Protein backbone atom coordinates (compact mmCIF):
# COMPACT_ATOMS: atom_id res chain seq x y z
CA MET A 1 -39.58 -26.18 -41.35
CA GLY A 2 -42.66 -27.13 -39.19
CA TRP A 3 -43.73 -25.99 -35.96
CA LEU A 4 -45.10 -28.29 -33.45
CA PRO A 5 -48.25 -26.57 -31.01
CA PRO A 6 -47.36 -24.56 -28.23
CA SER A 7 -46.32 -26.00 -25.44
CA PRO A 8 -47.95 -26.10 -21.97
CA ASP A 9 -46.27 -23.31 -20.38
CA GLY A 10 -46.35 -20.67 -23.90
CA ILE A 11 -43.05 -21.01 -25.61
CA ALA A 12 -43.07 -22.01 -28.70
CA MET A 13 -41.07 -25.25 -29.32
CA CYS A 14 -38.77 -25.04 -33.01
CA GLN A 15 -38.08 -28.32 -34.38
CA ASP A 16 -34.80 -28.68 -36.55
CA VAL A 17 -33.01 -26.15 -35.27
CA VAL A 18 -29.61 -26.44 -34.78
CA LEU A 19 -27.90 -24.31 -31.93
CA LYS A 20 -23.77 -23.46 -32.93
CA GLU A 21 -21.99 -23.23 -30.43
CA PRO A 22 -19.17 -20.05 -30.37
CA GLN A 23 -16.11 -20.49 -31.49
CA ASN A 24 -12.80 -19.98 -29.68
CA GLY A 25 -12.23 -15.91 -29.72
CA GLU A 26 -16.48 -15.39 -30.44
CA ASP A 27 -18.32 -12.62 -28.27
CA GLY A 28 -19.71 -15.93 -26.67
CA ASP A 29 -16.22 -17.50 -25.71
CA MET A 30 -14.84 -13.31 -24.92
CA ASN A 31 -13.60 -13.93 -20.96
CA ASP A 32 -14.83 -17.67 -21.16
CA THR A 33 -11.20 -18.76 -20.40
CA MET A 34 -9.35 -17.70 -16.34
CA ILE A 35 -5.22 -18.03 -17.31
CA GLY A 36 -3.84 -18.32 -13.35
CA VAL A 37 -0.29 -17.12 -14.14
CA ASP A 38 2.56 -18.23 -11.61
CA LEU A 39 5.45 -15.06 -12.75
CA ALA A 40 9.42 -15.75 -12.25
CA LYS A 41 12.33 -14.26 -14.03
CA SER A 42 12.75 -16.86 -17.14
CA ILE A 43 9.97 -19.26 -16.31
CA PHE A 44 6.02 -18.93 -16.54
CA GLN A 45 3.90 -21.40 -15.39
CA LEU A 46 0.26 -21.27 -16.69
CA HIS A 47 -3.14 -22.85 -16.08
CA GLY A 48 -5.81 -22.16 -17.84
CA ALA A 49 -9.50 -23.52 -17.03
CA SER A 50 -12.76 -22.41 -17.50
CA MET A 51 -14.95 -20.19 -15.33
CA THR A 52 -16.48 -23.43 -14.14
CA GLY A 53 -12.69 -24.29 -13.20
CA GLN A 54 -12.39 -27.34 -16.04
CA LEU A 55 -8.76 -27.42 -16.73
CA LYS A 56 -7.94 -26.39 -20.38
CA TYR A 57 -4.23 -26.65 -20.71
CA ARG A 58 -0.80 -26.38 -18.27
CA LYS A 59 2.44 -24.87 -20.16
CA LYS A 60 5.78 -23.87 -18.83
CA LEU A 61 6.93 -20.93 -21.07
CA THR A 62 10.31 -19.14 -21.44
CA ARG A 63 9.72 -15.10 -21.00
CA PRO A 64 9.97 -14.52 -25.27
CA GLN A 65 6.78 -17.23 -24.87
CA PHE A 66 5.11 -15.90 -22.49
CA ARG A 67 4.79 -12.64 -23.82
CA LYS A 68 3.90 -14.48 -27.79
CA PHE A 69 1.03 -16.89 -26.12
CA MET A 70 -0.67 -14.14 -24.62
CA ALA A 71 -0.41 -11.78 -27.08
CA ASP A 72 -2.20 -14.62 -29.46
CA GLN A 73 -4.46 -15.47 -27.16
CA PRO A 74 -8.42 -14.30 -27.32
CA PRO A 75 -8.92 -11.95 -24.12
CA SER A 76 -9.27 -13.94 -21.32
CA VAL A 77 -9.34 -13.20 -17.33
CA VAL A 78 -5.76 -13.41 -16.18
CA VAL A 79 -5.14 -14.03 -12.72
CA MET A 80 -1.40 -13.37 -10.98
CA LYS A 81 -0.01 -12.97 -7.62
CA ALA A 82 0.35 -9.54 -6.27
CA CYS A 83 4.31 -10.20 -6.38
CA GLY A 84 7.16 -8.64 -8.01
CA SER A 85 7.00 -7.46 -11.77
CA ALA A 86 2.98 -8.46 -11.67
CA HIS A 87 2.26 -4.55 -12.13
CA TYR A 88 4.44 -4.35 -15.24
CA TRP A 89 2.85 -7.75 -16.62
CA THR A 90 -0.59 -6.33 -15.88
CA ARG A 91 -0.15 -3.26 -17.75
CA GLU A 92 1.36 -5.35 -20.46
CA MET A 93 -1.71 -7.64 -20.37
CA VAL A 94 -4.36 -5.40 -20.68
CA ARG A 95 -2.52 -3.93 -23.91
CA PHE A 96 -3.07 -7.90 -25.64
CA GLY A 97 -6.68 -7.01 -24.43
CA HIS A 98 -7.22 -9.53 -21.54
CA ASP A 99 -9.17 -8.95 -17.80
CA VAL A 100 -6.19 -8.63 -15.33
CA LYS A 101 -6.51 -9.13 -11.41
CA LEU A 102 -4.23 -9.72 -9.26
CA ILE A 103 -4.11 -11.08 -5.77
CA ALA A 104 -2.30 -11.11 -2.71
CA PRO A 105 -0.27 -14.18 -2.27
CA GLN A 106 -1.69 -15.35 1.65
CA TYR A 107 -4.84 -15.80 -0.20
CA VAL A 108 -3.91 -18.09 -2.15
CA LEU A 109 -1.43 -20.63 -0.26
CA PRO A 110 -4.57 -22.10 1.46
CA PHE A 111 -5.65 -23.05 -1.98
CA VAL A 112 -2.32 -24.83 -2.96
CA LYS A 113 -2.64 -28.76 -3.14
CA ARG A 114 -0.26 -31.14 -1.01
CA GLN A 115 3.59 -30.07 -2.85
CA LYS A 116 4.85 -26.69 -3.02
CA ASN A 117 5.69 -26.43 -7.56
CA ASP A 118 4.86 -23.56 -9.55
CA ALA A 119 2.44 -25.64 -11.33
CA ALA A 120 0.28 -26.11 -7.59
CA ASP A 121 0.59 -22.37 -7.47
CA ALA A 122 -0.29 -21.29 -11.24
CA GLU A 123 -4.02 -24.24 -10.30
CA ALA A 124 -3.98 -22.22 -6.51
CA ILE A 125 -4.20 -19.19 -7.75
CA VAL A 126 -7.44 -20.17 -10.50
CA ILE A 127 -9.23 -21.62 -7.71
CA ALA A 128 -8.49 -19.02 -5.09
CA ALA A 129 -9.88 -15.94 -8.22
CA GLN A 130 -12.86 -18.42 -8.57
CA ARG A 131 -14.13 -17.37 -5.42
CA PRO A 132 -16.78 -15.12 -5.16
CA GLU A 133 -16.03 -13.80 -1.82
CA MET A 134 -12.39 -12.80 -3.08
CA ARG A 135 -10.63 -9.76 -2.56
CA PHE A 136 -8.17 -8.28 -5.14
CA VAL A 137 -5.12 -6.15 -5.31
CA GLU A 138 -5.50 -3.05 -7.40
CA PRO A 139 -2.54 -2.31 -10.10
CA LYS A 140 -0.44 0.54 -9.77
CA SER A 141 0.28 2.80 -12.56
CA GLN A 142 4.25 3.40 -13.85
CA GLU A 143 3.78 7.26 -11.99
CA GLN A 144 2.96 5.44 -8.97
CA GLN A 145 5.46 3.02 -8.93
CA ALA A 146 8.59 5.80 -9.90
CA ARG A 147 6.85 7.87 -6.76
CA ALA A 148 7.24 4.48 -4.78
CA VAL A 149 11.24 4.38 -6.64
CA LEU A 150 11.78 7.55 -4.68
CA PHE A 151 10.01 7.33 -1.78
CA ARG A 152 11.99 3.50 -1.34
CA ALA A 153 15.24 5.39 -2.26
CA ARG A 154 14.84 7.78 0.72
CA GLU A 155 14.14 5.22 3.31
CA ARG A 156 16.89 3.38 2.44
CA LEU A 157 19.30 6.20 2.77
CA VAL A 158 17.64 7.24 5.81
CA LEU A 159 18.47 3.56 7.16
CA GLN A 160 22.15 3.49 5.65
CA ARG A 161 22.43 6.50 7.49
CA THR A 162 21.35 5.67 10.80
CA GLU A 163 23.40 2.24 10.50
CA LEU A 164 26.83 4.09 9.88
CA VAL A 165 25.47 6.85 12.98
CA ASN A 166 25.11 3.82 15.21
CA ALA A 167 28.14 1.95 14.68
CA LEU A 168 30.60 5.30 15.03
CA ARG A 169 28.92 5.74 18.47
CA ALA A 170 29.68 1.90 19.10
CA VAL A 171 33.31 2.41 18.19
CA LEU A 172 32.83 5.94 20.52
CA TYR A 173 31.38 4.08 23.21
CA GLU A 174 33.90 1.73 23.36
CA PHE A 175 36.43 4.28 24.18
CA GLY A 176 34.39 5.93 26.80
CA HIS A 177 33.00 8.42 24.57
CA ALA A 178 28.70 8.43 25.19
CA VAL A 179 27.01 10.51 22.44
CA PRO A 180 23.33 10.34 23.27
CA LYS A 181 20.25 8.68 20.42
CA GLY A 182 19.45 10.73 17.75
CA ILE A 183 20.43 12.43 14.43
CA GLY A 184 20.73 16.16 15.88
CA ASN A 185 23.49 14.64 18.45
CA ILE A 186 25.81 13.90 15.16
CA LYS A 187 27.76 17.15 15.74
CA GLN A 188 28.88 16.23 18.60
CA PHE A 189 31.38 13.62 17.14
CA ASP A 190 33.02 16.35 15.60
CA VAL A 191 33.57 17.71 18.84
CA ILE A 192 35.44 14.45 19.93
CA LEU A 193 36.88 13.99 16.79
CA GLU A 194 38.63 17.12 16.83
CA ASP A 195 39.58 17.95 20.45
CA PRO A 196 43.30 18.50 20.76
CA ASN A 197 43.08 15.77 24.03
CA CYS A 198 41.26 13.46 22.26
CA ASP A 199 42.58 10.14 23.92
CA LEU A 200 41.43 8.01 21.04
CA PRO A 201 44.19 6.03 19.63
CA ALA A 202 45.42 7.41 15.36
CA LEU A 203 43.60 4.18 13.68
CA VAL A 204 40.14 4.65 15.76
CA ARG A 205 40.41 8.36 14.90
CA ASP A 206 41.27 7.53 11.25
CA GLU A 207 38.07 5.22 11.19
CA CYS A 208 35.47 7.33 12.88
CA GLY A 209 36.47 10.15 10.70
CA ASP A 210 35.97 8.21 7.40
CA LEU A 211 32.41 7.06 9.59
CA VAL A 212 31.60 10.82 9.72
CA LYS A 213 32.56 11.36 6.06
CA GLN A 214 30.43 8.56 5.01
CA ILE A 215 27.00 9.93 7.10
CA ALA A 216 27.80 13.79 5.72
CA GLU A 217 27.25 11.96 1.86
CA GLN A 218 24.55 10.30 3.05
CA THR A 219 22.96 13.73 4.60
CA ILE A 220 23.22 15.80 1.23
CA ARG A 221 21.52 12.61 -0.74
CA ILE A 222 18.57 12.67 1.36
CA ASP A 223 18.70 16.40 1.66
CA ALA A 224 18.49 16.05 -2.21
CA LYS A 225 15.26 13.21 -2.59
CA THR A 226 13.57 15.19 -0.18
CA LYS A 227 13.82 18.23 -2.05
CA THR A 228 12.83 16.18 -5.18
CA ALA A 229 9.98 14.69 -2.71
CA LYS A 230 9.47 18.37 -2.20
CA GLU A 231 9.08 19.42 -5.63
CA MET A 232 6.86 16.81 -6.87
CA ALA A 233 4.07 17.84 -3.43
CA THR A 234 3.96 21.13 -4.98
CA THR A 235 2.89 20.43 -8.12
CA ALA A 236 0.68 17.46 -7.89
CA ASN A 237 -2.88 18.69 -7.23
CA THR A 238 -3.52 15.26 -5.55
CA ALA A 239 -0.64 16.34 -3.27
CA ARG A 240 -1.31 19.79 -3.02
CA ARG A 241 -4.81 19.40 -1.58
CA LEU A 242 -3.57 16.66 0.95
CA GLN A 243 -1.19 19.12 2.82
CA THR A 244 -3.87 21.01 3.45
CA MET A 245 -4.97 18.72 6.64
CA PRO A 246 -2.91 19.09 9.23
CA GLY A 247 0.01 16.63 10.38
CA VAL A 248 0.28 15.36 6.28
CA GLY A 249 3.37 17.01 4.60
CA PRO A 250 5.38 16.71 1.22
CA LEU A 251 6.44 12.76 2.26
CA THR A 252 3.45 11.75 3.53
CA ALA A 253 1.71 13.20 0.84
CA LEU A 254 4.16 10.99 -1.41
CA ALA A 255 3.50 7.85 -0.08
CA ILE A 256 -0.81 8.28 -0.63
CA GLU A 257 0.11 9.29 -3.91
CA ALA A 258 2.46 5.94 -4.27
CA PHE A 259 1.03 3.41 -2.52
CA ALA A 260 -2.67 3.67 -1.68
CA PRO A 261 -4.97 2.69 -4.61
CA ALA A 262 -7.85 4.49 -6.03
CA MET A 263 -10.05 6.07 -3.25
CA GLN A 264 -13.50 5.17 -5.23
CA SER A 265 -12.01 1.10 -4.14
CA PHE A 266 -13.23 2.09 -0.71
CA LYS A 267 -17.02 2.39 0.02
CA ARG A 268 -16.12 3.92 3.40
CA GLY A 269 -13.37 5.91 4.81
CA ARG A 270 -13.20 3.37 7.93
CA ASP A 271 -12.26 0.77 4.89
CA PHE A 272 -9.20 2.68 4.25
CA ALA A 273 -8.19 3.11 7.72
CA ALA A 274 -8.94 -0.71 7.92
CA TRP A 275 -6.53 -1.10 4.69
CA LEU A 276 -3.99 1.12 6.79
CA GLY A 277 -4.53 -1.05 9.72
CA LEU A 278 -5.44 1.31 11.69
CA VAL A 279 -8.55 -0.40 13.55
CA PRO A 280 -8.84 -3.29 16.03
CA ARG A 281 -8.10 -6.28 15.87
CA GLN A 282 -10.86 -8.23 15.89
CA HIS A 283 -10.82 -11.66 18.09
CA SER A 284 -14.57 -12.33 18.41
CA SER A 285 -16.82 -15.26 19.20
CA GLY A 286 -20.22 -16.56 20.50
CA GLY A 287 -21.76 -13.22 19.68
CA LYS A 288 -19.04 -11.76 22.08
CA GLU A 289 -17.16 -9.12 20.25
CA ARG A 290 -13.19 -8.45 21.43
CA LEU A 291 -11.47 -6.03 19.84
CA GLY A 292 -8.06 -5.96 20.29
CA ARG A 293 -4.86 -3.23 19.79
CA VAL A 294 -4.59 -2.07 16.01
CA SER A 295 -3.99 -4.58 13.38
CA LYS A 296 -1.14 -3.74 12.14
CA ALA A 297 -2.39 -5.34 8.73
CA GLY A 298 -1.90 -2.53 6.32
CA GLN A 299 0.35 -0.41 4.36
CA THR A 300 3.27 0.51 7.13
CA ASP A 301 5.22 3.19 5.20
CA ILE A 302 1.72 5.17 5.14
CA ARG A 303 0.49 4.33 8.63
CA ARG A 304 4.06 5.39 9.94
CA LEU A 305 3.51 8.43 8.94
CA LEU A 306 -0.45 9.42 9.20
CA ILE A 307 0.93 8.35 13.19
CA ILE A 308 4.09 10.59 13.13
CA GLY A 309 1.36 12.95 11.89
CA ALA A 310 -0.73 12.97 14.53
CA MET A 311 2.34 13.07 17.21
CA SER A 312 2.85 16.38 16.09
CA ARG A 313 -0.29 18.03 16.60
CA LEU A 314 -0.07 16.21 20.12
CA ASN A 315 3.81 18.20 20.91
CA TRP A 316 3.94 20.74 23.11
CA MET A 317 3.48 23.38 19.80
CA GLY A 318 0.69 21.25 18.65
CA ARG A 319 -1.54 21.55 21.45
CA LYS A 320 -1.26 25.11 21.13
CA THR A 321 -3.82 24.97 18.60
CA THR A 322 -6.12 22.45 20.25
CA THR A 323 -9.32 23.84 20.58
CA GLU A 324 -10.72 23.56 23.75
CA GLY A 325 -14.18 21.59 24.03
CA SER A 326 -12.73 19.57 20.96
CA TRP A 327 -12.86 16.16 20.15
CA LEU A 328 -8.92 15.98 20.32
CA ALA A 329 -8.74 18.17 24.00
CA ARG A 330 -10.89 15.77 25.29
CA MET A 331 -8.92 12.82 23.98
CA LEU A 332 -5.80 14.26 25.60
CA ALA A 333 -7.52 14.80 28.90
CA ARG A 334 -8.72 11.61 29.82
CA LYS A 335 -6.33 9.20 27.36
CA PRO A 336 -2.80 8.19 26.97
CA ARG A 337 -0.69 10.47 23.82
CA MET A 338 0.44 7.08 21.95
CA LEU A 339 -3.24 6.14 22.36
CA VAL A 340 -4.43 9.65 21.24
CA ALA A 341 -2.04 9.62 18.75
CA ILE A 342 -3.40 5.86 16.90
CA ALA A 343 -7.20 7.56 16.60
CA LEU A 344 -6.36 10.52 15.23
CA ALA A 345 -4.07 9.14 12.42
CA ASN A 346 -7.20 7.05 12.23
CA LYS A 347 -9.31 9.97 12.00
CA MET A 348 -6.71 11.85 9.38
CA ALA A 349 -7.21 8.45 7.46
CA ARG A 350 -10.82 9.02 6.94
CA GLY A 351 -10.65 12.51 6.58
CA ILE A 352 -7.48 11.76 3.06
CA TRP A 353 -10.66 9.05 1.84
CA ALA A 354 -13.27 12.01 2.29
CA MET A 355 -11.02 14.58 0.43
CA LEU A 356 -9.96 12.65 -2.11
CA THR A 357 -13.28 11.28 -2.70
CA LYS A 358 -14.97 14.61 -3.31
CA ASN A 359 -12.06 16.34 -4.39
CA GLU A 360 -12.22 19.00 -1.37
CA ASP A 361 -9.55 20.44 0.28
CA TYR A 362 -9.44 19.98 4.08
CA ARG A 363 -12.19 21.60 5.92
CA ASP A 364 -11.80 22.02 9.71
CA PRO A 365 -14.60 20.89 11.81
CA VAL A 366 -14.09 23.01 15.11
CA PRO A 367 -15.67 25.91 13.84
CA ALA A 368 -18.32 24.08 12.94
CA VAL A 369 -18.77 22.74 15.82
CA ALA A 370 -18.53 25.57 17.75
CA ALA A 371 -21.25 27.58 15.39
CA ARG A 372 -23.74 24.54 16.06
CA SER A 373 -22.84 24.70 20.30
CA THR A 374 -23.30 28.74 19.96
CA CYS A 375 -26.80 28.36 18.41
CA ALA A 376 -27.74 25.92 20.75
CA ALA A 377 -26.88 27.72 23.31
CA THR A 378 -28.60 30.71 22.12
CA THR A 379 -31.81 29.24 21.70
């Protein structure tokens, strides 16, 4: 082989050298393909493209064909919308050696071209995932999904019981019996129906008695789910740590474990609070900052439970433990209670992030602030 003189920039040039392109499956082609998958129950639409966007293939596969096709593919970047069965298929694709990303459906929609169909959706998934600023959804483990099933089952039973209670209240109201709202007033139903001088028709009394039995059955099932959730919260170390914070109970701890991603995925506590929708909605323009109400653009269950926990610290019993001169006491003195509850829920979310990232239990900041104030006063 003859060598040419060095080039002006000092880099030697080689003659008769053949550069070999990496073949499919070799290290040079690892993760060089991005596959967008439009999930469904039976038919899966695939859109394969290079990392620069060039189309490689489009495929429509059945469920068994899709599993076999992905198992035979070299390691690639697989992108799916975070919809039904997405977390299951994420675990399957990881088992096949692929790098999987989940993307929120609302971030895919702007990239759908004209007509809405499976092929256009799969192509839009790839285009959206190739945006450098795109945000992705953290996959859930089987344990997280199992906790979510328990949490959702309890919530569903509570909603069904509420529906039955409202139906019973409406029937009795039509016959002149007004029962106040709230699950604590269900005993009044028994008092009305068991009254020997009750003026309700026999048919109505039978139907109301059946509704009362259904409410009692739902209450038993709700109590069983609640007991299971509390048992899980006492055995898990993360749930135990979360419950050291005032206002966080077993159900809130279960919801955080089931629905929240790993806290390491957030840079700071404010990012976690923003993910929960506990920060003001921005409508700024022209360099002028305009902040509105909380965005509510996040995980609804955790946000709701944190606000309920914050409200429990603001009732007459919770105020007894509020230290005079603390941040919470100053806020209560000049702001409405609901606004203070939202601010406290935001503060709780930031504290949860700090506790889980540092693996520490809750530490009350009031004694530390009081100690600093005492030192400043003495000096």
